[in-house]
Structure formats: structure tokens, C-alpha cells
Amino acid sequence: MLSDKGKYASATQNRRFVWKEIVWPLILEINDVVFTLDQYQKKRDEICKKNNVDISKTSRGLVSLLQKGIIYKENSLYCIHFRLIPYMRLKAQCDYATAIHEVKIR
């Protein structure tokens, strides 16, 4: 991840990275719409080590995904937006652009 971008571009980049590299692969791996913080952290640590990425950037990315409504937090569980469930069931690739588009359709 580059750090010479502006504040909003950097937030978007963090969000995209966390979605593409951590959250969506985790969802497909566990084959469930919900995941725990422990599951997320284990996947995050693995990906950060593999890609030499600072964990703090991924933390901001997760919070940003929550703010955008792509994932929700209920008690100690995180879940994906209901409109993304069909992608999970099909084990389809769901990039950030698709996810944000599905969530924003009303």
C-alpha cells in the first residue's frame, strides 16, 4: 500500500485491500456469512506477513468497510451485507467495486 496518496484515496485503498485480500477470501474459506474477530485477525496476520503490510492499515480498512455498510458488526460477530450472500453461495469472486455497488443499490 502506498502512503503518498491523499486521505480519501488512502482510505479507499485500505478498504479495497482488506476486502480483496482478507475479508472476502475469509468468507469463502469458512463458507459462512459471519466471522469472528479472531478469525479475521488470524487471516489478517497471515496476509500482512505475506504482503509485508502494516497491521494498522488493515484495521482502518476494516473500520472503513463497516462505515460503508459492506459488513456489519453484531455483538462479537461480523457479517457481510445480505446482498453479497449469493456471491458467497456461488463461491464467486466479489471485488470491492461489485460489493459497494450491491450495497448501494436500494
PDB file of N, CA and C in Angstrom:
ATOM      1  N   MET A   1       0.835  -1.178   0.000  1.00  0.00           N
ATOM      2  CA  MET A   1       0.000   0.000   0.000  1.00  0.00           C
ATOM      3  C   MET A   1       0.877   1.238   0.000  1.00  0.00           C
ATOM      4  N   LEU A   2       0.504   2.162  -0.819  1.00  0.00           N
ATOM      5  CA  LEU A   2       1.267   3.402  -0.904  1.00  0.00           C
ATOM      6  C   LEU A   2       0.741   4.407   0.100  1.00  0.00           C
ATOM      7  N   SER A   3       1.628   5.225   0.615  1.00  0.00           N
ATOM      8  CA  SER A   3       1.199   6.203   1.621  1.00  0.00           C
ATOM      9  C   SER A   3       1.262   7.632   1.095  1.00  0.00           C
ATOM     10  N   ASP A   4       1.607   7.837  -0.181  1.00  0.00           N
ATOM     11  CA  ASP A   4       1.720   9.186  -0.711  1.00  0.00           C
ATOM     12  C   ASP A   4       0.402   9.676  -1.322  1.00  0.00           C
ATOM     13  N   LYS A   5      -0.660   8.956  -1.093  1.00  0.00           N
ATOM     14  CA  LYS A   5      -1.968   9.352  -1.600  1.00  0.00           C
ATOM     15  C   LYS A   5      -2.647  10.271  -0.602  1.00  0.00           C
ATOM     16  N   GLY A   6      -3.711  10.926  -1.058  1.00  0.00           N
ATOM     17  CA  GLY A   6      -4.491  11.770  -0.163  1.00  0.00           C
ATOM     18  C   GLY A   6      -5.263  10.922   0.833  1.00  0.00           C
ATOM     19  N   LYS A   7      -5.869  11.599   1.785  1.00  0.00           N
ATOM     20  CA  LYS A   7      -6.599  10.933   2.874  1.00  0.00           C
ATOM     21  C   LYS A   7      -7.694   9.997   2.355  1.00  0.00           C
ATOM     22  N   TYR A   8      -8.520  10.462   1.418  1.00  0.00           N
ATOM     23  CA  TYR A   8      -9.640   9.666   0.944  1.00  0.00           C
ATOM     24  C   TYR A   8      -9.188   8.541   0.014  1.00  0.00           C
ATOM     25  N   ALA A   9      -8.187   8.824  -0.808  1.00  0.00           N
ATOM     26  CA  ALA A   9      -7.659   7.787  -1.690  1.00  0.00           C
ATOM     27  C   ALA A   9      -7.009   6.675  -0.870  1.00  0.00           C
ATOM     28  N   SER A  10      -6.337   7.058   0.182  1.00  0.00           N
ATOM     29  CA  SER A  10      -5.692   6.088   1.059  1.00  0.00           C
ATOM     30  C   SER A  10      -6.731   5.225   1.772  1.00  0.00           C
ATOM     31  N   ALA A  11      -7.816   5.825   2.235  1.00  0.00           N
ATOM     32  CA  ALA A  11      -8.890   5.082   2.898  1.00  0.00           C
ATOM     33  C   ALA A  11      -9.515   4.085   1.935  1.00  0.00           C
ATOM     34  N   THR A  12      -9.746   4.515   0.703  1.00  0.00           N
ATOM     35  CA  THR A  12     -10.310   3.622  -0.310  1.00  0.00           C
ATOM     36  C   THR A  12      -9.356   2.478  -0.607  1.00  0.00           C
ATOM     37  N   GLN A  13      -8.088   2.784  -0.705  1.00  0.00           N
ATOM     38  CA  GLN A  13      -7.087   1.759  -0.978  1.00  0.00           C
ATOM     39  C   GLN A  13      -7.038   0.737   0.164  1.00  0.00           C
ATOM     40  N   ASN A  14      -7.086   1.195   1.393  1.00  0.00           N
ATOM     41  CA  ASN A  14      -7.100   0.291   2.552  1.00  0.00           C
ATOM     42  C   ASN A  14      -8.337  -0.592   2.536  1.00  0.00           C
ATOM     43  N   ARG A  15      -9.493   0.023   2.252  1.00  0.00           N
ATOM     44  CA  ARG A  15     -10.751  -0.721   2.169  1.00  0.00           C
ATOM     45  C   ARG A  15     -10.678  -1.806   1.103  1.00  0.00           C
ATOM     46  N   ARG A  16     -10.211  -1.426  -0.073  1.00  0.00           N
ATOM     47  CA  ARG A  16     -10.100  -2.393  -1.179  1.00  0.00           C
ATOM     48  C   ARG A  16      -9.170  -3.544  -0.818  1.00  0.00           C
ATOM     49  N   PHE A  17      -8.036  -3.227  -0.215  1.00  0.00           N
ATOM     50  CA  PHE A  17      -7.075  -4.255   0.158  1.00  0.00           C
ATOM     51  C   PHE A  17      -7.676  -5.228   1.174  1.00  0.00           C
ATOM     52  N   VAL A  18      -8.300  -4.688   2.215  1.00  0.00           N
ATOM     53  CA  VAL A  18      -8.883  -5.532   3.262  1.00  0.00           C
ATOM     54  C   VAL A  18      -9.992  -6.407   2.686  1.00  0.00           C
ATOM     55  N   TRP A  19     -10.814  -5.844   1.812  1.00  0.00           N
ATOM     56  CA  TRP A  19     -11.890  -6.622   1.199  1.00  0.00           C
ATOM     57  C   TRP A  19     -11.323  -7.731   0.310  1.00  0.00           C
ATOM     58  N   LYS A  20     -10.429  -7.352  -0.581  1.00  0.00           N
ATOM     59  CA  LYS A  20      -9.906  -8.300  -1.572  1.00  0.00           C
ATOM     60  C   LYS A  20      -9.002  -9.378  -0.970  1.00  0.00           C
ATOM     61  N   GLU A  21      -8.148  -8.992  -0.055  1.00  0.00           N
ATOM     62  CA  GLU A  21      -7.129  -9.912   0.449  1.00  0.00           C
ATOM     63  C   GLU A  21      -7.510 -10.621   1.751  1.00  0.00           C
ATOM     64  N   ILE A  22      -8.399 -10.025   2.536  1.00  0.00           N
ATOM     65  CA  ILE A  22      -8.679 -10.601   3.851  1.00  0.00           C
ATOM     66  C   ILE A  22     -10.142 -11.033   3.999  1.00  0.00           C
ATOM     67  N   VAL A  23     -11.070 -10.087   3.915  1.00  0.00           N
ATOM     68  CA  VAL A  23     -12.462 -10.394   4.241  1.00  0.00           C
ATOM     69  C   VAL A  23     -13.097 -11.373   3.258  1.00  0.00           C
ATOM     70  N   TRP A  24     -13.053 -11.069   1.959  1.00  0.00           N
ATOM     71  CA  TRP A  24     -13.730 -11.959   1.004  1.00  0.00           C
ATOM     72  C   TRP A  24     -13.097 -13.359   0.964  1.00  0.00           C
ATOM     73  N   PRO A  25     -11.767 -13.469   0.916  1.00  0.00           N
ATOM     74  CA  PRO A  25     -11.186 -14.820   0.982  1.00  0.00           C
ATOM     75  C   PRO A  25     -11.563 -15.567   2.274  1.00  0.00           C
ATOM     76  N   LEU A  26     -11.661 -14.846   3.382  1.00  0.00           N
ATOM     77  CA  LEU A  26     -12.068 -15.467   4.644  1.00  0.00           C
ATOM     78  C   LEU A  26     -13.499 -15.990   4.546  1.00  0.00           C
ATOM     79  N   ILE A  27     -14.387 -15.188   3.994  1.00  0.00           N
ATOM     80  CA  ILE A  27     -15.790 -15.594   3.815  1.00  0.00           C
ATOM     81  C   ILE A  27     -15.864 -16.872   2.970  1.00  0.00           C
ATOM     82  N   LEU A  28     -15.126 -16.904   1.869  1.00  0.00           N
ATOM     83  CA  LEU A  28     -15.138 -18.091   1.004  1.00  0.00           C
ATOM     84  C   LEU A  28     -14.511 -19.297   1.706  1.00  0.00           C
ATOM     85  N   GLU A  29     -13.478 -19.047   2.479  1.00  0.00           N
ATOM     86  CA  GLU A  29     -12.770 -20.109   3.187  1.00  0.00           C
ATOM     87  C   GLU A  29     -13.654 -20.778   4.250  1.00  0.00           C
ATOM     88  N   ILE A  30     -14.346 -19.973   5.029  1.00  0.00           N
ATOM     89  CA  ILE A  30     -15.186 -20.543   6.089  1.00  0.00           C
ATOM     90  C   ILE A  30     -16.589 -20.883   5.591  1.00  0.00           C
ATOM     91  N   ASN A  31     -16.925 -20.403   4.393  1.00  0.00           N
ATOM     92  CA  ASN A  31     -18.226 -20.671   3.765  1.00  0.00           C
ATOM     93  C   ASN A  31     -19.385 -20.273   4.685  1.00  0.00           C
ATOM     94  N   ASP A  32     -19.293 -19.069   5.208  1.00  0.00           N
ATOM     95  CA  ASP A  32     -20.332 -18.552   6.095  1.00  0.00           C
ATOM     96  C   ASP A  32     -20.400 -17.038   5.929  1.00  0.00           C
ATOM     97  N   VAL A  33     -21.563 -16.477   6.216  1.00  0.00           N
ATOM     98  CA  VAL A  33     -21.743 -15.026   6.078  1.00  0.00           C
ATOM     99  C   VAL A  33     -21.226 -14.260   7.282  1.00  0.00           C
ATOM    100  N   VAL A  34     -20.903 -14.962   8.355  1.00  0.00           N
ATOM    101  CA  VAL A  34     -20.397 -14.315   9.568  1.00  0.00           C
ATOM    102  C   VAL A  34     -19.002 -14.823   9.906  1.00  0.00           C
ATOM    103  N   PHE A  35     -18.237 -13.951  10.554  1.00  0.00           N
ATOM    104  CA  PHE A  35     -16.919 -14.344  11.033  1.00  0.00           C
ATOM    105  C   PHE A  35     -16.642 -13.622  12.341  1.00  0.00           C
ATOM    106  N   THR A  36     -15.751 -14.204  13.119  1.00  0.00           N
ATOM    107  CA  THR A  36     -15.402 -13.615  14.405  1.00  0.00           C
ATOM    108  C   THR A  36     -14.176 -12.715  14.242  1.00  0.00           C
ATOM    109  N   LEU A  37     -13.940 -11.921  15.238  1.00  0.00           N
ATOM    110  CA  LEU A  37     -12.756 -11.077  15.235  1.00  0.00           C
ATOM    111  C   LEU A  37     -11.499 -11.950  15.229  1.00  0.00           C
ATOM    112  N   ASP A  38     -11.525 -13.051  15.965  1.00  0.00           N
ATOM    113  CA  ASP A  38     -10.371 -13.965  15.986  1.00  0.00           C
ATOM    114  C   ASP A  38     -10.081 -14.526  14.599  1.00  0.00           C
ATOM    115  N   GLN A  39     -11.132 -14.923  13.872  1.00  0.00           N
ATOM    116  CA  GLN A  39     -10.942 -15.441  12.513  1.00  0.00           C
ATOM    117  C   GLN A  39     -10.348 -14.360  11.613  1.00  0.00           C
ATOM    118  N   TYR A  40     -10.883 -13.142  11.741  1.00  0.00           N
ATOM    119  CA  TYR A  40     -10.379 -12.027  10.949  1.00  0.00           C
ATOM    120  C   TYR A  40      -8.908 -11.762  11.261  1.00  0.00           C
ATOM    121  N   GLN A  41      -8.575 -11.702  12.546  1.00  0.00           N
ATOM    122  CA  GLN A  41      -7.206 -11.388  12.949  1.00  0.00           C
ATOM    123  C   GLN A  41      -6.218 -12.444  12.471  1.00  0.00           C
ATOM    124  N   LYS A  42      -6.608 -13.693  12.521  1.00  0.00           N
ATOM    125  CA  LYS A  42      -5.735 -14.765  12.050  1.00  0.00           C
ATOM    126  C   LYS A  42      -5.461 -14.600  10.551  1.00  0.00           C
ATOM    127  N   LYS A  43      -6.513 -14.342   9.777  1.00  0.00           N
ATOM    128  CA  LYS A  43      -6.367 -14.144   8.328  1.00  0.00           C
ATOM    129  C   LYS A  43      -5.566 -12.875   8.054  1.00  0.00           C
ATOM    130  N   ARG A  44      -5.862 -11.812   8.795  1.00  0.00           N
ATOM    131  CA  ARG A  44      -5.159 -10.534   8.626  1.00  0.00           C
ATOM    132  C   ARG A  44      -3.664 -10.697   8.876  1.00  0.00           C
ATOM    133  N   ASP A  45      -3.315 -11.362   9.974  1.00  0.00           N
ATOM    134  CA  ASP A  45      -1.904 -11.553  10.309  1.00  0.00           C
ATOM    135  C   ASP A  45      -1.181 -12.332   9.212  1.00  0.00           C
ATOM    136  N   GLU A  46      -1.839 -13.356   8.697  1.00  0.00           N
ATOM    137  CA  GLU A  46      -1.268 -14.178   7.616  1.00  0.00           C
ATOM    138  C   GLU A  46      -1.015 -13.329   6.358  1.00  0.00           C
ATOM    139  N   ILE A  47      -2.009 -12.534   5.985  1.00  0.00           N
ATOM    140  CA  ILE A  47      -1.908 -11.713   4.765  1.00  0.00           C
ATOM    141  C   ILE A  47      -0.901 -10.577   4.956  1.00  0.00           C
ATOM    142  N   CYS A  48      -0.902  -9.951   6.112  1.00  0.00           N
ATOM    143  CA  CYS A  48       0.039  -8.850   6.372  1.00  0.00           C
ATOM    144  C   CYS A  48       1.477  -9.350   6.326  1.00  0.00           C
ATOM    145  N   LYS A  49       1.713 -10.509   6.904  1.00  0.00           N
ATOM    146  CA  LYS A  49       3.058 -11.076   6.885  1.00  0.00           C
ATOM    147  C   LYS A  49       3.471 -11.425   5.453  1.00  0.00           C
ATOM    148  N   LYS A  50       2.554 -12.035   4.718  1.00  0.00           N
ATOM    149  CA  LYS A  50       2.829 -12.444   3.333  1.00  0.00           C
ATOM    150  C   LYS A  50       3.108 -11.243   2.424  1.00  0.00           C
ATOM    151  N   ASN A  51       2.354 -10.151   2.626  1.00  0.00           N
ATOM    152  CA  ASN A  51       2.471  -8.974   1.759  1.00  0.00           C
ATOM    153  C   ASN A  51       3.282  -7.834   2.364  1.00  0.00           C
ATOM    154  N   ASN A  52       3.856  -8.059   3.559  1.00  0.00           N
ATOM    155  CA  ASN A  52       4.646  -7.036   4.238  1.00  0.00           C
ATOM    156  C   ASN A  52       3.860  -5.724   4.392  1.00  0.00           C
ATOM    157  N   VAL A  53       2.656  -5.848   4.955  1.00  0.00           N
ATOM    158  CA  VAL A  53       1.762  -4.707   5.147  1.00  0.00           C
ATOM    159  C   VAL A  53       1.592  -4.462   6.642  1.00  0.00           C
ATOM    160  N   ASP A  54       1.574  -3.199   7.030  1.00  0.00           N
ATOM    161  CA  ASP A  54       1.374  -2.817   8.428  1.00  0.00           C
ATOM    162  C   ASP A  54      -0.060  -3.135   8.860  1.00  0.00           C
ATOM    163  N   ILE A  55      -0.183  -3.790   9.998  1.00  0.00           N
ATOM    164  CA  ILE A  55      -1.496  -4.201  10.510  1.00  0.00           C
ATOM    165  C   ILE A  55      -2.415  -3.000  10.738  1.00  0.00           C
ATOM    166  N   SER A  56      -1.873  -1.855  11.105  1.00  0.00           N
ATOM    167  CA  SER A  56      -2.707  -0.680  11.371  1.00  0.00           C
ATOM    168  C   SER A  56      -3.485  -0.251  10.124  1.00  0.00           C
ATOM    169  N   LYS A  57      -2.918  -0.439   8.947  1.00  0.00           N
ATOM    170  CA  LYS A  57      -3.627  -0.088   7.716  1.00  0.00           C
ATOM    171  C   LYS A  57      -4.844  -0.977   7.522  1.00  0.00           C
ATOM    172  N   THR A  58      -4.709  -2.246   7.879  1.00  0.00           N
ATOM    173  CA  THR A  58      -5.839  -3.152   7.726  1.00  0.00           C
ATOM    174  C   THR A  58      -6.920  -2.863   8.759  1.00  0.00           C
ATOM    175  N   SER A  59      -6.524  -2.385   9.925  1.00  0.00           N
ATOM    176  CA  SER A  59      -7.512  -2.024  10.948  1.00  0.00           C
ATOM    177  C   SER A  59      -8.379  -0.876  10.452  1.00  0.00           C
ATOM    178  N   ARG A  60      -7.743   0.102   9.867  1.00  0.00           N
ATOM    179  CA  ARG A  60      -8.507   1.226   9.306  1.00  0.00           C
ATOM    180  C   ARG A  60      -9.390   0.750   8.155  1.00  0.00           C
ATOM    181  N   GLY A  61      -8.913  -0.218   7.400  1.00  0.00           N
ATOM    182  CA  GLY A  61      -9.694  -0.758   6.286  1.00  0.00           C
ATOM    183  C   GLY A  61     -10.942  -1.466   6.762  1.00  0.00           C
ATOM    184  N   LEU A  62     -10.825  -2.235   7.842  1.00  0.00           N
ATOM    185  CA  LEU A  62     -11.986  -2.945   8.393  1.00  0.00           C
ATOM    186  C   LEU A  62     -13.024  -1.947   8.899  1.00  0.00           C
ATOM    187  N   VAL A  63     -12.585  -0.935   9.618  1.00  0.00           N
ATOM    188  CA  VAL A  63     -13.497   0.090  10.124  1.00  0.00           C
ATOM    189  C   VAL A  63     -14.188   0.795   8.956  1.00  0.00           C
ATOM    190  N   SER A  64     -13.450   1.058   7.917  1.00  0.00           N
ATOM    191  CA  SER A  64     -13.998   1.723   6.742  1.00  0.00           C
ATOM    192  C   SER A  64     -15.058   0.860   6.053  1.00  0.00           C
ATOM    193  N   LEU A  65     -14.835  -0.450   5.988  1.00  0.00           N
ATOM    194  CA  LEU A  65     -15.839  -1.358   5.412  1.00  0.00           C
ATOM    195  C   LEU A  65     -17.115  -1.346   6.255  1.00  0.00           C
ATOM    196  N   LEU A  66     -16.952  -1.240   7.558  1.00  0.00           N
ATOM    197  CA  LEU A  66     -18.116  -1.133   8.448  1.00  0.00           C
ATOM    198  C   LEU A  66     -18.881   0.165   8.164  1.00  0.00           C
ATOM    199  N   GLN A  67     -18.155   1.262   8.017  1.00  0.00           N
ATOM    200  CA  GLN A  67     -18.786   2.560   7.761  1.00  0.00           C
ATOM    201  C   GLN A  67     -19.526   2.577   6.430  1.00  0.00           C
ATOM    202  N   LYS A  68     -19.008   1.864   5.451  1.00  0.00           N
ATOM    203  CA  LYS A  68     -19.639   1.808   4.128  1.00  0.00           C
ATOM    204  C   LYS A  68     -20.827   0.851   4.087  1.00  0.00           C
ATOM    205  N   GLY A  69     -20.995   0.041   5.124  1.00  0.00           N
ATOM    206  CA  GLY A  69     -22.134  -0.875   5.176  1.00  0.00           C
ATOM    207  C   GLY A  69     -21.922  -2.177   4.425  1.00  0.00           C
ATOM    208  N   ILE A  70     -20.688  -2.454   4.026  1.00  0.00           N
ATOM    209  CA  ILE A  70     -20.400  -3.701   3.330  1.00  0.00           C
ATOM    210  C   ILE A  70     -20.388  -4.856   4.319  1.00  0.00           C
ATOM    211  N   ILE A  71     -19.907  -4.573   5.518  1.00  0.00           N
ATOM    212  CA  ILE A  71     -20.002  -5.543   6.605  1.00  0.00           C
ATOM    213  C   ILE A  71     -20.645  -4.856   7.806  1.00  0.00           C
ATOM    214  N   TYR A  72     -21.247  -5.664   8.657  1.00  0.00           N
ATOM    215  CA  TYR A  72     -21.903  -5.177   9.865  1.00  0.00           C
ATOM    216  C   TYR A  72     -21.321  -5.901  11.064  1.00  0.00           C
ATOM    217  N   LYS A  73     -21.391  -5.255  12.202  1.00  0.00           N
ATOM    218  CA  LYS A  73     -20.944  -5.895  13.435  1.00  0.00           C
ATOM    219  C   LYS A  73     -22.157  -6.075  14.334  1.00  0.00           C
ATOM    220  N   GLU A  74     -22.364  -7.300  14.756  1.00  0.00           N
ATOM    221  CA  GLU A  74     -23.441  -7.605  15.688  1.00  0.00           C
ATOM    222  C   GLU A  74     -22.828  -8.371  16.845  1.00  0.00           C
ATOM    223  N   ASN A  75     -22.832  -7.747  18.014  1.00  0.00           N
ATOM    224  CA  ASN A  75     -22.178  -8.308  19.201  1.00  0.00           C
ATOM    225  C   ASN A  75     -20.711  -8.587  18.878  1.00  0.00           C
ATOM    226  N   SER A  76     -20.301  -9.840  18.932  1.00  0.00           N
ATOM    227  CA  SER A  76     -18.891 -10.145  18.650  1.00  0.00           C
ATOM    228  C   SER A  76     -18.691 -10.728  17.250  1.00  0.00           C
ATOM    229  N   LEU A  77     -19.720 -10.655  16.408  1.00  0.00           N
ATOM    230  CA  LEU A  77     -19.633 -11.212  15.061  1.00  0.00           C
ATOM    231  C   LEU A  77     -19.693 -10.114  13.999  1.00  0.00           C
ATOM    232  N   TYR A  78     -19.007 -10.367  12.917  1.00  0.00           N
ATOM    233  CA  TYR A  78     -19.079  -9.507  11.737  1.00  0.00           C
ATOM    234  C   TYR A  78     -19.820 -10.290  10.672  1.00  0.00           C
ATOM    235  N   CYS A  79     -20.665  -9.618   9.915  1.00  0.00           N
ATOM    236  CA  CYS A  79     -21.371 -10.314   8.837  1.00  0.00           C
ATOM    237  C   CYS A  79     -21.364  -9.445   7.588  1.00  0.00           C
ATOM    238  N   ILE A  80     -21.437 -10.127   6.444  1.00  0.00           N
ATOM    239  CA  ILE A  80     -21.466  -9.392   5.188  1.00  0.00           C
ATOM    240  C   ILE A  80     -22.895  -8.927   4.910  1.00  0.00           C
ATOM    241  N   HIS A  81     -23.018  -7.912   4.085  1.00  0.00           N
ATOM    242  CA  HIS A  81     -24.321  -7.383   3.682  1.00  0.00           C
ATOM    243  C   HIS A  81     -25.114  -8.496   2.996  1.00  0.00           C
ATOM    244  N   PHE A  82     -26.418  -8.530   3.244  1.00  0.00           N
ATOM    245  CA  PHE A  82     -27.241  -9.619   2.710  1.00  0.00           C
ATOM    246  C   PHE A  82     -27.211  -9.723   1.189  1.00  0.00           C
ATOM    247  N   ARG A  83     -26.973  -8.612   0.490  1.00  0.00           N
ATOM    248  CA  ARG A  83     -26.939  -8.651  -0.977  1.00  0.00           C
ATOM    249  C   ARG A  83     -25.677  -9.338  -1.515  1.00  0.00           C
ATOM    250  N   LEU A  84     -24.715  -9.625  -0.639  1.00  0.00           N
ATOM    251  CA  LEU A  84     -23.480 -10.294  -1.059  1.00  0.00           C
ATOM    252  C   LEU A  84     -23.538 -11.806  -0.829  1.00  0.00           C
ATOM    253  N   ILE A  85     -24.583 -12.256  -0.150  1.00  0.00           N
ATOM    254  CA  ILE A  85     -24.715 -13.685   0.157  1.00  0.00           C
ATOM    255  C   ILE A  85     -24.753 -14.557  -1.102  1.00  0.00           C
ATOM    256  N   PRO A  86     -25.475 -14.176  -2.165  1.00  0.00           N
ATOM    257  CA  PRO A  86     -25.470 -15.021  -3.368  1.00  0.00           C
ATOM    258  C   PRO A  86     -24.067 -15.230  -3.953  1.00  0.00           C
ATOM    259  N   TYR A  87     -23.212 -14.226  -3.878  1.00  0.00           N
ATOM    260  CA  TYR A  87     -21.827 -14.364  -4.358  1.00  0.00           C
ATOM    261  C   TYR A  87     -21.088 -15.419  -3.535  1.00  0.00           C
ATOM    262  N   MET A  88     -21.320 -15.397  -2.214  1.00  0.00           N
ATOM    263  CA  MET A  88     -20.671 -16.370  -1.339  1.00  0.00           C
ATOM    264  C   MET A  88     -21.161 -17.775  -1.665  1.00  0.00           C
ATOM    265  N   ARG A  89     -22.467 -17.916  -1.849  1.00  0.00           N
ATOM    266  CA  ARG A  89     -23.032 -19.244  -2.131  1.00  0.00           C
ATOM    267  C   ARG A  89     -22.500 -19.816  -3.434  1.00  0.00           C
ATOM    268  N   LEU A  90     -22.262 -18.944  -4.403  1.00  0.00           N
ATOM    269  CA  LEU A  90     -21.719 -19.383  -5.699  1.00  0.00           C
ATOM    270  C   LEU A  90     -20.202 -19.507  -5.683  1.00  0.00           C
ATOM    271  N   LYS A  91     -19.584 -19.118  -4.543  1.00  0.00           N
ATOM    272  CA  LYS A  91     -18.119 -19.072  -4.429  1.00  0.00           C
ATOM    273  C   LYS A  91     -17.524 -18.197  -5.540  1.00  0.00           C
ATOM    274  N   ALA A  92     -18.240 -17.140  -5.868  1.00  0.00           N
ATOM    275  CA  ALA A  92     -17.835 -16.229  -6.933  1.00  0.00           C
ATOM    276  C   ALA A  92     -16.862 -15.183  -6.398  1.00  0.00           C
ATOM    277  N   GLN A  93     -16.046 -14.661  -7.281  1.00  0.00           N
ATOM    278  CA  GLN A  93     -15.197 -13.537  -6.908  1.00  0.00           C
ATOM    279  C   GLN A  93     -16.100 -12.315  -6.762  1.00  0.00           C
ATOM    280  N   CYS A  94     -15.894 -11.590  -5.716  1.00  0.00           N
ATOM    281  CA  CYS A  94     -16.681 -10.381  -5.468  1.00  0.00           C
ATOM    282  C   CYS A  94     -15.693  -9.288  -5.102  1.00  0.00           C
ATOM    283  N   ASP A  95     -15.296  -8.519  -6.107  1.00  0.00           N
ATOM    284  CA  ASP A  95     -14.323  -7.469  -5.836  1.00  0.00           C
ATOM    285  C   ASP A  95     -15.000  -6.303  -5.114  1.00  0.00           C
ATOM    286  N   TYR A  96     -14.191  -5.362  -4.680  1.00  0.00           N
ATOM    287  CA  TYR A  96     -14.709  -4.240  -3.901  1.00  0.00           C
ATOM    288  C   TYR A  96     -15.741  -3.438  -4.693  1.00  0.00           C
ATOM    289  N   ALA A  97     -15.484  -3.214  -5.974  1.00  0.00           N
ATOM    290  CA  ALA A  97     -16.412  -2.427  -6.802  1.00  0.00           C
ATOM    291  C   ALA A  97     -17.783  -3.097  -6.854  1.00  0.00           C
ATOM    292  N   THR A  98     -17.802  -4.409  -6.995  1.00  0.00           N
ATOM    293  CA  THR A  98     -19.067  -5.155  -7.013  1.00  0.00           C
ATOM    294  C   THR A  98     -19.748  -5.062  -5.657  1.00  0.00           C
ATOM    295  N   ALA A  99     -18.977  -5.242  -4.594  1.00  0.00           N
ATOM    296  CA  ALA A  99     -19.544  -5.197  -3.246  1.00  0.00           C
ATOM    297  C   ALA A  99     -20.182  -3.840  -2.960  1.00  0.00           C
ATOM    298  N   ILE A 100     -19.474  -2.766  -3.254  1.00  0.00           N
ATOM    299  CA  ILE A 100     -20.005  -1.432  -2.952  1.00  0.00           C
ATOM    300  C   ILE A 100     -21.222  -1.140  -3.830  1.00  0.00           C
ATOM    301  N   HIS A 101     -21.197  -1.616  -5.061  1.00  0.00           N
ATOM    302  CA  HIS A 101     -22.339  -1.426  -5.970  1.00  0.00           C
ATOM    303  C   HIS A 101     -23.581  -2.156  -5.432  1.00  0.00           C
ATOM    304  N   GLU A 102     -23.412  -3.394  -5.018  1.00  0.00           N
ATOM    305  CA  GLU A 102     -24.537  -4.189  -4.484  1.00  0.00           C
ATOM    306  C   GLU A 102     -25.100  -3.556  -3.222  1.00  0.00           C
ATOM    307  N   VAL A 103     -24.248  -3.055  -2.358  1.00  0.00           N
ATOM    308  CA  VAL A 103     -24.684  -2.476  -1.085  1.00  0.00           C
ATOM    309  C   VAL A 103     -25.411  -1.164  -1.313  1.00  0.00           C
ATOM    310  N   LYS A 104     -24.982  -0.389  -2.296  1.00  0.00           N
ATOM    311  CA  LYS A 104     -25.553   0.940  -2.522  1.00  0.00           C
ATOM    312  C   LYS A 104     -26.869   0.899  -3.303  1.00  0.00           C
ATOM    313  N   ILE A 105     -27.190  -0.217  -3.960  1.00  0.00           N
ATOM    314  CA  ILE A 105     -28.462  -0.335  -4.680  1.00  0.00           C
ATOM    315  C   ILE A 105     -29.574  -0.399  -3.644  1.00  0.00           C
ATOM    316  N   ARG A 106     -30.575   0.412  -3.828  1.00  0.00           N
ATOM    317  CA  ARG A 106     -31.683   0.430  -2.850  1.00  0.00           C
ATOM    318  C   ARG A 106     -32.950  -0.033  -3.518  1.00  0.00           C
TER     319      ARG A 106
END
